[in-house]
Amino acid sequence: MDCEVYHLTEFELQSGVVIPDLQLAYKTYGELNSEKNNVVVLPTFYTGSHGRNEGFFGEGRAVDPARHFIVSVNLFGNGISSSPSNTPAPFNGSRFPDITLYDNIRAQHQLLTTALGVEQIALVTGWSMAGCQSFQWAAQYPDKVKAILPFCASAKTAEHNIVFLEGVKAALQADSIYDNGNYQTPPTKGLKAFGRIYAGWAFSQTFYRKQMYKLKGFDTAEALLQDWEVDHLDWDANDLLCKLKTWQRGDISDNELYNGDFKAALGAIKAKTIVIVCDDDLYFRVEDNQFEIEHIKNGELRVFSSPWGHCVASPGNSSEFQQFLDNAIEELLG
């Protein structure tokens, strides 16, 4: 495994469940400076990994290992950090406990401060669920984070987003092999259905109308759907559902700090904030981000127009978006 593992002993989750050995996988790039303030935190997105995060930084980019100490942290449930698929009994498989974004960020905070000696975070940024974690960092540890840049993300998962996720979840769980998460062999029909349905949400209506899937090497929409089927066969079903539940419960105010007061949680964010949203993202909507920005004291919303929809941010899809993102990051790190 091309990453390191930080062990959190007897870690109590927000639910009250205590995990004897909760494992947080991460990889670092670059060097921590003498002031210990050149840190950029990159959490992972849904079905993402520290490896896929490498598409968001590099030599000559706004985030550059030559100048920044980059900490790429794997979300619990992604099959690398502690997950249903790699945790021993009694927390294996369907018995793996619910984990919130609050739990993820508390663990990441412990990693950075205890193991890596980080005193100040220059930037937390990321796509989709990683962006949700950026919001979480800024609300949970407002004095630790100087800037955040969530893109195609939200501080609180919208009801329509929750409904979309219920659809893909239901398709996976309808496979009789799934057996309430106690499957002995992978529920391949359910995993394929999960991928096919997800592909309809990841890109916009305009993407399909203009047959932009041909830009990715697919002759037909059906060929794209089949590729999404194959991609999701590589995932453990319980891992997918673990992260999905974490996503559905996303809410920076759902903790003892704010007791469900979403506006108060947004107002507590001190970090300089730029939120980027794609106008054709089907589940992270401009209107939701606009509400959030109105309650963040030092926040700005920037809308990028593209038929790529949510997947505009996936590395390699849009060079224009990459430049748009890098320009905003340079402003925050400037």
C-alpha atoms as a PDB file:
ATOM      1  CA  MET A   1       0.000   0.000   0.000  1.00  0.00           C
ATOM      2  CA  ASP A   2       1.544   3.299  -1.135  1.00  0.00           C
ATOM      3  CA  CYS A   3       0.430   5.243   1.913  1.00  0.00           C
ATOM      4  CA  GLU A   4       0.845   5.406   5.667  1.00  0.00           C
ATOM      5  CA  VAL A   5      -1.624   4.421   8.361  1.00  0.00           C
ATOM      6  CA  TYR A   6      -2.356   6.332  11.556  1.00  0.00           C
ATOM      7  CA  HIS A   7      -3.876   4.196  14.304  1.00  0.00           C
ATOM      8  CA  LEU A   8      -6.533   5.774  16.500  1.00  0.00           C
ATOM      9  CA  THR A   9      -6.790   3.656  19.637  1.00  0.00           C
ATOM     10  CA  GLU A  10     -10.162   3.265  21.364  1.00  0.00           C
ATOM     11  CA  PHE A  11     -11.664   5.966  19.152  1.00  0.00           C
ATOM     12  CA  GLU A  12     -15.211   6.876  20.185  1.00  0.00           C
ATOM     13  CA  LEU A  13     -17.461   7.732  17.271  1.00  0.00           C
ATOM     14  CA  GLN A  14     -20.209  10.338  17.391  1.00  0.00           C
ATOM     15  CA  SER A  15     -22.663   7.446  17.742  1.00  0.00           C
ATOM     16  CA  GLY A  16     -20.957   6.335  20.968  1.00  0.00           C
ATOM     17  CA  VAL A  17     -19.467   3.186  19.421  1.00  0.00           C
ATOM     18  CA  VAL A  18     -15.815   2.680  20.361  1.00  0.00           C
ATOM     19  CA  ILE A  19     -13.474   1.199  17.747  1.00  0.00           C
ATOM     20  CA  PRO A  20     -10.386  -0.446  19.313  1.00  0.00           C
ATOM     21  CA  ASP A  21      -8.158   0.313  16.332  1.00  0.00           C
ATOM     22  CA  LEU A  22      -9.545   2.804  13.831  1.00  0.00           C
ATOM     23  CA  GLN A  23      -7.114   3.153  10.951  1.00  0.00           C
ATOM     24  CA  LEU A  24      -6.726   6.386   8.985  1.00  0.00           C
ATOM     25  CA  ALA A  25      -4.761   5.987   5.753  1.00  0.00           C
ATOM     26  CA  TYR A  26      -3.001   8.996   4.293  1.00  0.00           C
ATOM     27  CA  LYS A  27      -0.145  10.079   2.062  1.00  0.00           C
ATOM     28  CA  THR A  28       1.959  13.223   2.257  1.00  0.00           C
ATOM     29  CA  TYR A  29       3.718  15.152  -0.495  1.00  0.00           C
ATOM     30  CA  GLY A  30       6.282  17.913  -0.082  1.00  0.00           C
ATOM     31  CA  GLU A  31       7.832  19.094   3.165  1.00  0.00           C
ATOM     32  CA  LEU A  32       6.474  20.897   6.214  1.00  0.00           C
ATOM     33  CA  ASN A  33       8.165  24.291   6.481  1.00  0.00           C
ATOM     34  CA  SER A  34       9.785  25.657   9.632  1.00  0.00           C
ATOM     35  CA  GLU A  35       6.700  27.744  10.447  1.00  0.00           C
ATOM     36  CA  LYS A  36       4.551  24.614   9.990  1.00  0.00           C
ATOM     37  CA  ASN A  37       1.966  26.644   8.085  1.00  0.00           C
ATOM     38  CA  ASN A  38       2.280  25.530   4.444  1.00  0.00           C
ATOM     39  CA  VAL A  39      -0.170  22.681   4.908  1.00  0.00           C
ATOM     40  CA  VAL A  40      -2.828  21.822   2.327  1.00  0.00           C
ATOM     41  CA  VAL A  41      -5.299  19.126   3.351  1.00  0.00           C
ATOM     42  CA  LEU A  42      -6.970  17.111   0.598  1.00  0.00           C
ATOM     43  CA  PRO A  43      -9.630  14.719   1.875  1.00  0.00           C
ATOM     44  CA  THR A  44     -10.934  12.109  -0.574  1.00  0.00           C
ATOM     45  CA  PHE A  45     -14.254  12.120  -2.419  1.00  0.00           C
ATOM     46  CA  TYR A  46     -16.878   9.388  -2.858  1.00  0.00           C
ATOM     47  CA  THR A  47     -15.132   6.388  -4.512  1.00  0.00           C
ATOM     48  CA  GLY A  48     -11.922   8.434  -4.319  1.00  0.00           C
ATOM     49  CA  SER A  49      -8.507   7.667  -2.882  1.00  0.00           C
ATOM     50  CA  HIS A  50      -5.269   9.476  -2.106  1.00  0.00           C
ATOM     51  CA  GLY A  51      -4.061   8.289  -5.503  1.00  0.00           C
ATOM     52  CA  ARG A  52      -6.910   9.907  -7.383  1.00  0.00           C
ATOM     53  CA  ASN A  53      -6.355  13.120  -5.432  1.00  0.00           C
ATOM     54  CA  GLU A  54      -3.027  13.455  -7.250  1.00  0.00           C
ATOM     55  CA  GLY A  55      -4.983  14.906 -10.163  1.00  0.00           C
ATOM     56  CA  PHE A  56      -5.629  18.066  -8.135  1.00  0.00           C
ATOM     57  CA  PHE A  57      -2.017  19.149  -7.600  1.00  0.00           C
ATOM     58  CA  GLY A  58       1.420  18.965  -9.155  1.00  0.00           C
ATOM     59  CA  GLU A  59       4.476  20.823 -10.373  1.00  0.00           C
ATOM     60  CA  GLY A  60       3.525  24.330 -11.462  1.00  0.00           C
ATOM     61  CA  ARG A  61      -0.041  23.958 -10.160  1.00  0.00           C
ATOM     62  CA  ALA A  62      -1.652  26.165  -7.507  1.00  0.00           C
ATOM     63  CA  VAL A  63      -1.059  23.354  -5.028  1.00  0.00           C
ATOM     64  CA  ASP A  64       2.520  22.251  -5.590  1.00  0.00           C
ATOM     65  CA  PRO A  65       4.610  19.800  -3.507  1.00  0.00           C
ATOM     66  CA  ALA A  66       7.605  22.075  -4.100  1.00  0.00           C
ATOM     67  CA  ARG A  67       5.905  24.747  -1.973  1.00  0.00           C
ATOM     68  CA  HIS A  68       3.265  22.954   0.076  1.00  0.00           C
ATOM     69  CA  PHE A  69       3.030  20.103   2.523  1.00  0.00           C
ATOM     70  CA  ILE A  70       0.076  18.189   1.111  1.00  0.00           C
ATOM     71  CA  VAL A  71      -1.789  15.729   3.299  1.00  0.00           C
ATOM     72  CA  SER A  72      -4.141  13.504   1.311  1.00  0.00           C
ATOM     73  CA  VAL A  73      -6.452  11.653   3.700  1.00  0.00           C
ATOM     74  CA  ASN A  74      -8.677   8.691   2.873  1.00  0.00           C
ATOM     75  CA  LEU A  75     -12.312   8.825   3.951  1.00  0.00           C
ATOM     76  CA  PHE A  76     -13.448   6.082   6.301  1.00  0.00           C
ATOM     77  CA  GLY A  77     -15.312   3.487   4.270  1.00  0.00           C
ATOM     78  CA  ASN A  78     -13.252   3.827   1.093  1.00  0.00           C
ATOM     79  CA  GLY A  79     -11.571   0.450   1.497  1.00  0.00           C
ATOM     80  CA  ILE A  80      -8.184   1.947   2.450  1.00  0.00           C
ATOM     81  CA  SER A  81      -8.946   3.646   5.756  1.00  0.00           C
ATOM     82  CA  SER A  82     -11.047   1.537   8.145  1.00  0.00           C
ATOM     83  CA  SER A  83     -14.055   0.231   6.232  1.00  0.00           C
ATOM     84  CA  PRO A  84     -16.607  -2.582   6.320  1.00  0.00           C
ATOM     85  CA  SER A  85     -14.401  -4.580   3.927  1.00  0.00           C
ATOM     86  CA  ASN A  86     -11.153  -4.431   5.931  1.00  0.00           C
ATOM     87  CA  THR A  87     -12.190  -4.242   9.607  1.00  0.00           C
ATOM     88  CA  PRO A  88     -12.056  -7.413  11.749  1.00  0.00           C
ATOM     89  CA  ALA A  89     -15.000  -8.746  13.742  1.00  0.00           C
ATOM     90  CA  PRO A  90     -17.115  -7.635  15.446  1.00  0.00           C
ATOM     91  CA  PHE A  91     -17.206  -4.548  13.175  1.00  0.00           C
ATOM     92  CA  ASN A  92     -16.767  -6.256   9.809  1.00  0.00           C
ATOM     93  CA  GLY A  93     -19.166  -6.100   6.860  1.00  0.00           C
ATOM     94  CA  SER A  94     -22.728  -5.109   7.687  1.00  0.00           C
ATOM     95  CA  ARG A  95     -21.742  -4.644  11.356  1.00  0.00           C
ATOM     96  CA  PHE A  96     -19.464  -1.687  10.617  1.00  0.00           C
ATOM     97  CA  PRO A  97     -20.787   1.327  12.572  1.00  0.00           C
ATOM     98  CA  ASP A  98     -22.108   4.557  11.087  1.00  0.00           C
ATOM     99  CA  ILE A  99     -19.363   7.149  10.683  1.00  0.00           C
ATOM    100  CA  THR A 100     -20.072  10.852  10.222  1.00  0.00           C
ATOM    101  CA  LEU A 101     -18.065  13.626   8.642  1.00  0.00           C
ATOM    102  CA  TYR A 102     -17.593  14.931  12.181  1.00  0.00           C
ATOM    103  CA  ASP A 103     -15.876  11.630  13.044  1.00  0.00           C
ATOM    104  CA  ASN A 104     -13.708  11.830   9.933  1.00  0.00           C
ATOM    105  CA  ILE A 105     -12.526  15.356  10.635  1.00  0.00           C
ATOM    106  CA  ARG A 106     -11.868  14.691  14.329  1.00  0.00           C
ATOM    107  CA  ALA A 107      -9.656  11.783  13.289  1.00  0.00           C
ATOM    108  CA  GLN A 108      -7.917  13.897  10.649  1.00  0.00           C
ATOM    109  CA  HIS A 109      -7.317  16.634  13.214  1.00  0.00           C
ATOM    110  CA  GLN A 110      -5.679  14.127  15.539  1.00  0.00           C
ATOM    111  CA  LEU A 111      -3.484  12.860  12.697  1.00  0.00           C
ATOM    112  CA  LEU A 112      -2.313  16.326  11.709  1.00  0.00           C
ATOM    113  CA  THR A 113      -1.682  17.691  15.186  1.00  0.00           C
ATOM    114  CA  THR A 114      -0.364  14.583  16.948  1.00  0.00           C
ATOM    115  CA  ALA A 115       1.446  12.641  14.244  1.00  0.00           C
ATOM    116  CA  LEU A 116       2.448  15.332  11.747  1.00  0.00           C
ATOM    117  CA  GLY A 117       3.044  18.329  14.022  1.00  0.00           C
ATOM    118  CA  VAL A 118       0.807  20.663  12.044  1.00  0.00           C
ATOM    119  CA  GLU A 119      -0.083  23.914  13.812  1.00  0.00           C
ATOM    120  CA  GLN A 120      -1.954  25.787  11.080  1.00  0.00           C
ATOM    121  CA  ILE A 121      -3.691  24.632   7.896  1.00  0.00           C
ATOM    122  CA  ALA A 122      -3.294  26.995   4.962  1.00  0.00           C
ATOM    123  CA  LEU A 123      -6.076  25.386   2.912  1.00  0.00           C
ATOM    124  CA  VAL A 124      -8.551  22.522   2.955  1.00  0.00           C
ATOM    125  CA  THR A 125      -9.965  21.803  -0.466  1.00  0.00           C
ATOM    126  CA  GLY A 126     -11.603  19.009  -2.397  1.00  0.00           C
ATOM    127  CA  TRP A 127     -14.237  17.777  -4.797  1.00  0.00           C
ATOM    128  CA  SER A 128     -17.673  16.477  -3.826  1.00  0.00           C
ATOM    129  CA  MET A 129     -17.536  14.666  -0.454  1.00  0.00           C
ATOM    130  CA  ALA A 130     -14.016  16.034  -0.021  1.00  0.00           C
ATOM    131  CA  GLY A 131     -15.461  19.520  -0.356  1.00  0.00           C
ATOM    132  CA  CYS A 132     -18.078  18.626   2.252  1.00  0.00           C
ATOM    133  CA  GLN A 133     -15.165  17.774   4.536  1.00  0.00           C
ATOM    134  CA  SER A 134     -13.622  21.179   3.767  1.00  0.00           C
ATOM    135  CA  PHE A 135     -16.743  22.860   5.154  1.00  0.00           C
ATOM    136  CA  GLN A 136     -16.647  20.474   8.122  1.00  0.00           C
ATOM    137  CA  TRP A 137     -13.025  21.341   8.920  1.00  0.00           C
ATOM    138  CA  ALA A 138     -13.764  25.079   8.894  1.00  0.00           C
ATOM    139  CA  ALA A 139     -16.780  24.782  11.201  1.00  0.00           C
ATOM    140  CA  GLN A 140     -15.349  22.124  13.507  1.00  0.00           C
ATOM    141  CA  TYR A 141     -11.926  23.735  13.964  1.00  0.00           C
ATOM    142  CA  PRO A 142     -12.421  27.385  12.956  1.00  0.00           C
ATOM    143  CA  ASP A 143      -9.140  28.570  14.503  1.00  0.00           C
ATOM    144  CA  LYS A 144      -7.076  25.921  12.742  1.00  0.00           C
ATOM    145  CA  VAL A 145      -7.983  26.626   9.113  1.00  0.00           C
ATOM    146  CA  LYS A 146      -7.015  29.780   7.212  1.00  0.00           C
ATOM    147  CA  ALA A 147      -8.876  29.034   3.957  1.00  0.00           C
ATOM    148  CA  ILE A 148     -11.183  26.501   2.360  1.00  0.00           C
ATOM    149  CA  LEU A 149     -12.195  25.870  -1.231  1.00  0.00           C
ATOM    150  CA  PRO A 150     -14.947  23.271  -1.543  1.00  0.00           C
ATOM    151  CA  PHE A 151     -15.920  22.558  -5.161  1.00  0.00           C
ATOM    152  CA  CYS A 152     -19.081  20.762  -6.254  1.00  0.00           C
ATOM    153  CA  ALA A 153     -19.937  20.199  -2.591  1.00  0.00           C
ATOM    154  CA  SER A 154     -22.110  21.471   0.261  1.00  0.00           C
ATOM    155  CA  ALA A 155     -22.019  22.201   3.970  1.00  0.00           C
ATOM    156  CA  LYS A 156     -25.280  20.298   4.447  1.00  0.00           C
ATOM    157  CA  THR A 157     -26.552  17.551   2.189  1.00  0.00           C
ATOM    158  CA  ALA A 158     -29.714  18.771   0.465  1.00  0.00           C
ATOM    159  CA  GLU A 159     -32.903  16.704   0.624  1.00  0.00           C
ATOM    160  CA  HIS A 160     -32.891  16.179  -3.136  1.00  0.00           C
ATOM    161  CA  ASN A 161     -29.308  14.934  -2.893  1.00  0.00           C
ATOM    162  CA  ILE A 162     -30.415  12.495  -0.189  1.00  0.00           C
ATOM    163  CA  VAL A 163     -33.229  11.265  -2.447  1.00  0.00           C
ATOM    164  CA  PHE A 164     -30.802  10.720  -5.344  1.00  0.00           C
ATOM    165  CA  LEU A 165     -28.587   8.631  -3.061  1.00  0.00           C
ATOM    166  CA  GLU A 166     -31.605   6.642  -1.869  1.00  0.00           C
ATOM    167  CA  GLY A 167     -32.169   5.647  -5.504  1.00  0.00           C
ATOM    168  CA  VAL A 168     -28.736   4.149  -6.082  1.00  0.00           C
ATOM    169  CA  LYS A 169     -28.819   2.544  -2.629  1.00  0.00           C
ATOM    170  CA  ALA A 170     -32.169   0.894  -3.325  1.00  0.00           C
ATOM    171  CA  ALA A 171     -30.904  -0.513  -6.621  1.00  0.00           C
ATOM    172  CA  LEU A 172     -27.917  -2.117  -4.902  1.00  0.00           C
ATOM    173  CA  GLN A 173     -29.899  -3.498  -1.990  1.00  0.00           C
ATOM    174  CA  ALA A 174     -32.541  -4.998  -4.315  1.00  0.00           C
ATOM    175  CA  ASP A 175     -30.037  -7.635  -5.418  1.00  0.00           C
ATOM    176  CA  SER A 176     -30.992 -10.817  -3.508  1.00  0.00           C
ATOM    177  CA  ILE A 177     -27.296 -11.667  -3.157  1.00  0.00           C
ATOM    178  CA  TYR A 178     -26.887  -8.498  -1.064  1.00  0.00           C
ATOM    179  CA  ASP A 179     -28.695 -10.204   1.835  1.00  0.00           C
ATOM    180  CA  ASN A 180     -28.832  -7.141   4.104  1.00  0.00           C
ATOM    181  CA  GLY A 181     -25.087  -6.681   3.726  1.00  0.00           C
ATOM    182  CA  ASN A 182     -24.255 -10.276   4.664  1.00  0.00           C
ATOM    183  CA  TYR A 183     -23.384 -11.403   1.122  1.00  0.00           C
ATOM    184  CA  GLN A 184     -20.924 -14.251   0.603  1.00  0.00           C
ATOM    185  CA  THR A 185     -20.190 -13.254  -2.988  1.00  0.00           C
ATOM    186  CA  PRO A 186     -20.382  -9.744  -4.483  1.00  0.00           C
ATOM    187  CA  PRO A 187     -23.920  -8.608  -5.410  1.00  0.00           C
ATOM    188  CA  THR A 188     -22.895  -7.949  -9.005  1.00  0.00           C
ATOM    189  CA  LYS A 189     -26.382  -7.169 -10.338  1.00  0.00           C
ATOM    190  CA  GLY A 190     -26.869  -4.576  -7.636  1.00  0.00           C
ATOM    191  CA  LEU A 191     -23.426  -3.057  -8.174  1.00  0.00           C
ATOM    192  CA  LYS A 192     -24.065  -2.779 -11.917  1.00  0.00           C
ATOM    193  CA  ALA A 193     -27.444  -1.137 -11.299  1.00  0.00           C
ATOM    194  CA  PHE A 194     -25.805   1.281  -8.851  1.00  0.00           C
ATOM    195  CA  GLY A 195     -23.302   2.329 -11.527  1.00  0.00           C
ATOM    196  CA  ARG A 196     -25.860   2.689 -14.328  1.00  0.00           C
ATOM    197  CA  ILE A 197     -28.150   4.912 -12.254  1.00  0.00           C
ATOM    198  CA  TYR A 198     -25.257   7.003 -10.934  1.00  0.00           C
ATOM    199  CA  ALA A 199     -24.075   7.786 -14.485  1.00  0.00           C
ATOM    200  CA  GLY A 200     -27.353   9.584 -15.128  1.00  0.00           C
ATOM    201  CA  TRP A 201     -26.630  11.967 -12.258  1.00  0.00           C
ATOM    202  CA  ALA A 202     -22.895  12.460 -12.643  1.00  0.00           C
ATOM    203  CA  PHE A 203     -23.261  14.262 -15.984  1.00  0.00           C
ATOM    204  CA  SER A 204     -25.880  16.760 -17.115  1.00  0.00           C
ATOM    205  CA  GLN A 205     -28.735  16.418 -19.589  1.00  0.00           C
ATOM    206  CA  THR A 206     -26.778  18.631 -21.972  1.00  0.00           C
ATOM    207  CA  PHE A 207     -23.791  16.274 -21.739  1.00  0.00           C
ATOM    208  CA  TYR A 208     -25.919  13.445 -23.113  1.00  0.00           C
ATOM    209  CA  ARG A 209     -27.827  15.565 -25.612  1.00  0.00           C
ATOM    210  CA  LYS A 210     -24.535  16.751 -27.135  1.00  0.00           C
ATOM    211  CA  GLN A 211     -23.128  13.203 -26.960  1.00  0.00           C
ATOM    212  CA  MET A 212     -20.138  14.452 -25.017  1.00  0.00           C
ATOM    213  CA  TYR A 213     -19.432  10.889 -23.872  1.00  0.00           C
ATOM    214  CA  LYS A 214     -17.604  10.603 -27.201  1.00  0.00           C
ATOM    215  CA  LEU A 215     -14.958  12.909 -25.726  1.00  0.00           C
ATOM    216  CA  LYS A 216     -14.251  10.111 -23.243  1.00  0.00           C
ATOM    217  CA  GLY A 217     -13.950   7.496 -25.982  1.00  0.00           C
ATOM    218  CA  PHE A 218     -17.471   6.038 -25.874  1.00  0.00           C
ATOM    219  CA  ASP A 219     -19.456   5.739 -29.113  1.00  0.00           C
ATOM    220  CA  THR A 220     -22.827   5.542 -27.354  1.00  0.00           C
ATOM    221  CA  ALA A 221     -24.412   6.394 -24.032  1.00  0.00           C
ATOM    222  CA  GLU A 222     -24.864   2.651 -23.481  1.00  0.00           C
ATOM    223  CA  ALA A 223     -21.104   2.145 -23.762  1.00  0.00           C
ATOM    224  CA  LEU A 224     -20.609   4.757 -21.045  1.00  0.00           C
ATOM    225  CA  LEU A 225     -23.161   3.024 -18.816  1.00  0.00           C
ATOM    226  CA  GLN A 226     -21.411  -0.305 -19.259  1.00  0.00           C
ATOM    227  CA  ASP A 227     -18.131   1.306 -18.241  1.00  0.00           C
ATOM    228  CA  TRP A 228     -19.763   2.634 -15.067  1.00  0.00           C
ATOM    229  CA  GLU A 229     -21.069  -0.873 -14.380  1.00  0.00           C
ATOM    230  CA  VAL A 230     -17.572  -2.344 -14.621  1.00  0.00           C
ATOM    231  CA  ASP A 231     -16.093   0.428 -12.493  1.00  0.00           C
ATOM    232  CA  HIS A 232     -18.512  -0.247  -9.658  1.00  0.00           C
ATOM    233  CA  LEU A 233     -17.857  -3.984  -9.728  1.00  0.00           C
ATOM    234  CA  ASP A 234     -14.479  -3.125  -8.213  1.00  0.00           C
ATOM    235  CA  TRP A 235     -16.180  -1.786  -5.090  1.00  0.00           C
ATOM    236  CA  ASP A 236     -17.323  -3.603  -2.001  1.00  0.00           C
ATOM    237  CA  ALA A 237     -21.059  -3.018  -1.583  1.00  0.00           C
ATOM    238  CA  ASN A 238     -20.894  -2.341   2.147  1.00  0.00           C
ATOM    239  CA  ASP A 239     -18.086   0.168   1.587  1.00  0.00           C
ATOM    240  CA  LEU A 240     -20.213   2.038  -0.966  1.00  0.00           C
ATOM    241  CA  LEU A 241     -23.150   2.154   1.435  1.00  0.00           C
ATOM    242  CA  CYS A 242     -21.007   3.177   4.395  1.00  0.00           C
ATOM    243  CA  LYS A 243     -19.739   6.261   2.582  1.00  0.00           C
ATOM    244  CA  LEU A 244     -23.190   6.926   1.155  1.00  0.00           C
ATOM    245  CA  LYS A 245     -24.682   7.116   4.653  1.00  0.00           C
ATOM    246  CA  THR A 246     -21.861   9.429   5.742  1.00  0.00           C
ATOM    247  CA  TRP A 247     -22.703  11.657   2.778  1.00  0.00           C
ATOM    248  CA  GLN A 248     -26.437  11.635   3.465  1.00  0.00           C
ATOM    249  CA  ARG A 249     -25.850  12.705   7.058  1.00  0.00           C
ATOM    250  CA  GLY A 250     -23.543  15.535   6.040  1.00  0.00           C
ATOM    251  CA  ASP A 251     -24.344  18.633   8.098  1.00  0.00           C
ATOM    252  CA  ILE A 252     -21.703  20.849   9.711  1.00  0.00           C
ATOM    253  CA  SER A 253     -24.132  21.702  12.522  1.00  0.00           C
ATOM    254  CA  ASP A 254     -25.025  18.103  13.469  1.00  0.00           C
ATOM    255  CA  ASN A 255     -22.879  17.967  16.601  1.00  0.00           C
ATOM    256  CA  GLU A 256     -22.643  19.303  20.148  1.00  0.00           C
ATOM    257  CA  LEU A 257     -20.857  22.443  18.942  1.00  0.00           C
ATOM    258  CA  TYR A 258     -23.927  23.774  17.115  1.00  0.00           C
ATOM    259  CA  ASN A 259     -26.804  21.455  18.084  1.00  0.00           C
ATOM    260  CA  GLY A 260     -28.349  21.570  14.623  1.00  0.00           C
ATOM    261  CA  ASP A 261     -28.189  25.346  14.192  1.00  0.00           C
ATOM    262  CA  PHE A 262     -26.960  25.410  10.591  1.00  0.00           C
ATOM    263  CA  LYS A 263     -26.766  29.188  10.307  1.00  0.00           C
ATOM    264  CA  ALA A 264     -24.721  29.388  13.491  1.00  0.00           C
ATOM    265  CA  ALA A 265     -22.306  26.761  12.160  1.00  0.00           C
ATOM    266  CA  LEU A 266     -21.868  28.680   8.914  1.00  0.00           C
ATOM    267  CA  GLY A 267     -21.416  31.913  10.837  1.00  0.00           C
ATOM    268  CA  ALA A 268     -18.687  30.353  12.963  1.00  0.00           C
ATOM    269  CA  ILE A 269     -16.467  29.739   9.932  1.00  0.00           C
ATOM    270  CA  LYS A 270     -13.484  32.085  10.088  1.00  0.00           C
ATOM    271  CA  ALA A 271     -11.604  30.726   7.075  1.00  0.00           C
ATOM    272  CA  LYS A 272     -11.455  32.743   3.919  1.00  0.00           C
ATOM    273  CA  THR A 273     -13.832  30.791   1.724  1.00  0.00           C
ATOM    274  CA  ILE A 274     -14.330  30.381  -2.002  1.00  0.00           C
ATOM    275  CA  VAL A 275     -16.997  27.879  -3.035  1.00  0.00           C
ATOM    276  CA  ILE A 276     -17.058  26.729  -6.648  1.00  0.00           C
ATOM    277  CA  VAL A 277     -20.167  25.120  -8.107  1.00  0.00           C
ATOM    278  CA  CYS A 278     -20.986  23.917 -11.618  1.00  0.00           C
ATOM    279  CA  ASP A 279     -24.252  25.322 -12.909  1.00  0.00           C
ATOM    280  CA  ASP A 280     -25.195  21.918 -14.370  1.00  0.00           C
ATOM    281  CA  ASP A 281     -24.318  19.841 -11.296  1.00  0.00           C
ATOM    282  CA  LEU A 282     -27.483  17.828 -10.717  1.00  0.00           C
ATOM    283  CA  TYR A 283     -27.140  17.325  -6.961  1.00  0.00           C
ATOM    284  CA  PHE A 284     -24.893  20.055  -5.565  1.00  0.00           C
ATOM    285  CA  ARG A 285     -26.980  23.027  -6.605  1.00  0.00           C
ATOM    286  CA  VAL A 286     -26.102  26.707  -6.956  1.00  0.00           C
ATOM    287  CA  GLU A 287     -29.027  27.755  -4.753  1.00  0.00           C
ATOM    288  CA  ASP A 288     -27.837  25.630  -1.823  1.00  0.00           C
ATOM    289  CA  ASN A 289     -24.318  27.055  -2.028  1.00  0.00           C
ATOM    290  CA  GLN A 290     -25.716  30.581  -2.328  1.00  0.00           C
ATOM    291  CA  PHE A 291     -27.546  30.162   0.980  1.00  0.00           C
ATOM    292  CA  GLU A 292     -24.374  28.885   2.614  1.00  0.00           C
ATOM    293  CA  ILE A 293     -22.238  31.749   1.342  1.00  0.00           C
ATOM    294  CA  GLU A 294     -24.744  34.320   2.588  1.00  0.00           C
ATOM    295  CA  HIS A 295     -24.021  33.107   6.131  1.00  0.00           C
ATOM    296  CA  ILE A 296     -20.229  32.732   5.884  1.00  0.00           C
ATOM    297  CA  LYS A 297     -18.575  36.000   6.876  1.00  0.00           C
ATOM    298  CA  ASN A 298     -15.631  35.795   4.524  1.00  0.00           C
ATOM    299  CA  GLY A 299     -17.127  33.764   1.711  1.00  0.00           C
ATOM    300  CA  GLU A 300     -17.566  34.022  -2.032  1.00  0.00           C
ATOM    301  CA  LEU A 301     -19.444  31.832  -4.508  1.00  0.00           C
ATOM    302  CA  ARG A 302     -18.101  31.288  -8.012  1.00  0.00           C
ATOM    303  CA  VAL A 303     -20.207  29.527 -10.624  1.00  0.00           C
ATOM    304  CA  PHE A 304     -18.544  27.600 -13.436  1.00  0.00           C
ATOM    305  CA  SER A 305     -20.704  26.892 -16.470  1.00  0.00           C
ATOM    306  CA  SER A 306     -20.268  23.469 -18.040  1.00  0.00           C
ATOM    307  CA  PRO A 307     -22.394  20.585 -19.382  1.00  0.00           C
ATOM    308  CA  TRP A 308     -19.981  18.169 -17.680  1.00  0.00           C
ATOM    309  CA  GLY A 309     -22.099  18.641 -14.547  1.00  0.00           C
ATOM    310  CA  HIS A 310     -20.744  17.184 -11.337  1.00  0.00           C
ATOM    311  CA  CYS A 311     -17.933  15.428 -13.190  1.00  0.00           C
ATOM    312  CA  VAL A 312     -16.508  18.706 -14.494  1.00  0.00           C
ATOM    313  CA  ALA A 313     -14.078  18.494 -11.575  1.00  0.00           C
ATOM    314  CA  SER A 314     -12.894  14.955 -12.225  1.00  0.00           C
ATOM    315  CA  PRO A 315      -9.248  15.317 -13.293  1.00  0.00           C
ATOM    316  CA  GLY A 316      -8.834  15.241 -17.036  1.00  0.00           C
ATOM    317  CA  ASN A 317     -12.387  16.157 -17.988  1.00  0.00           C
ATOM    318  CA  SER A 318     -12.067  19.946 -18.339  1.00  0.00           C
ATOM    319  CA  SER A 319      -8.821  21.880 -18.599  1.00  0.00           C
ATOM    320  CA  GLU A 320     -10.864  25.083 -18.341  1.00  0.00           C
ATOM    321  CA  PHE A 321     -12.232  24.031 -14.963  1.00  0.00           C
ATOM    322  CA  GLN A 322      -8.765  23.057 -13.772  1.00  0.00           C
ATOM    323  CA  GLN A 323      -7.507  26.557 -14.570  1.00  0.00           C
ATOM    324  CA  PHE A 324     -10.583  28.126 -12.936  1.00  0.00           C
ATOM    325  CA  LEU A 325      -9.928  26.058  -9.804  1.00  0.00           C
ATOM    326  CA  ASP A 326      -6.206  26.794  -9.725  1.00  0.00           C
ATOM    327  CA  ASN A 327      -6.809  30.538 -10.091  1.00  0.00           C
ATOM    328  CA  ALA A 328      -9.091  30.510  -7.056  1.00  0.00           C
ATOM    329  CA  ILE A 329      -6.643  28.433  -5.002  1.00  0.00           C
ATOM    330  CA  GLU A 330      -3.813  30.815  -5.864  1.00  0.00           C
ATOM    331  CA  GLU A 331      -5.908  33.694  -4.535  1.00  0.00           C
ATOM    332  CA  LEU A 332      -6.483  31.903  -1.241  1.00  0.00           C
ATOM    333  CA  LEU A 333      -2.879  30.853  -0.823  1.00  0.00           C
ATOM    334  CA  GLY A 334      -1.467  34.132  -2.111  1.00  0.00           C
END
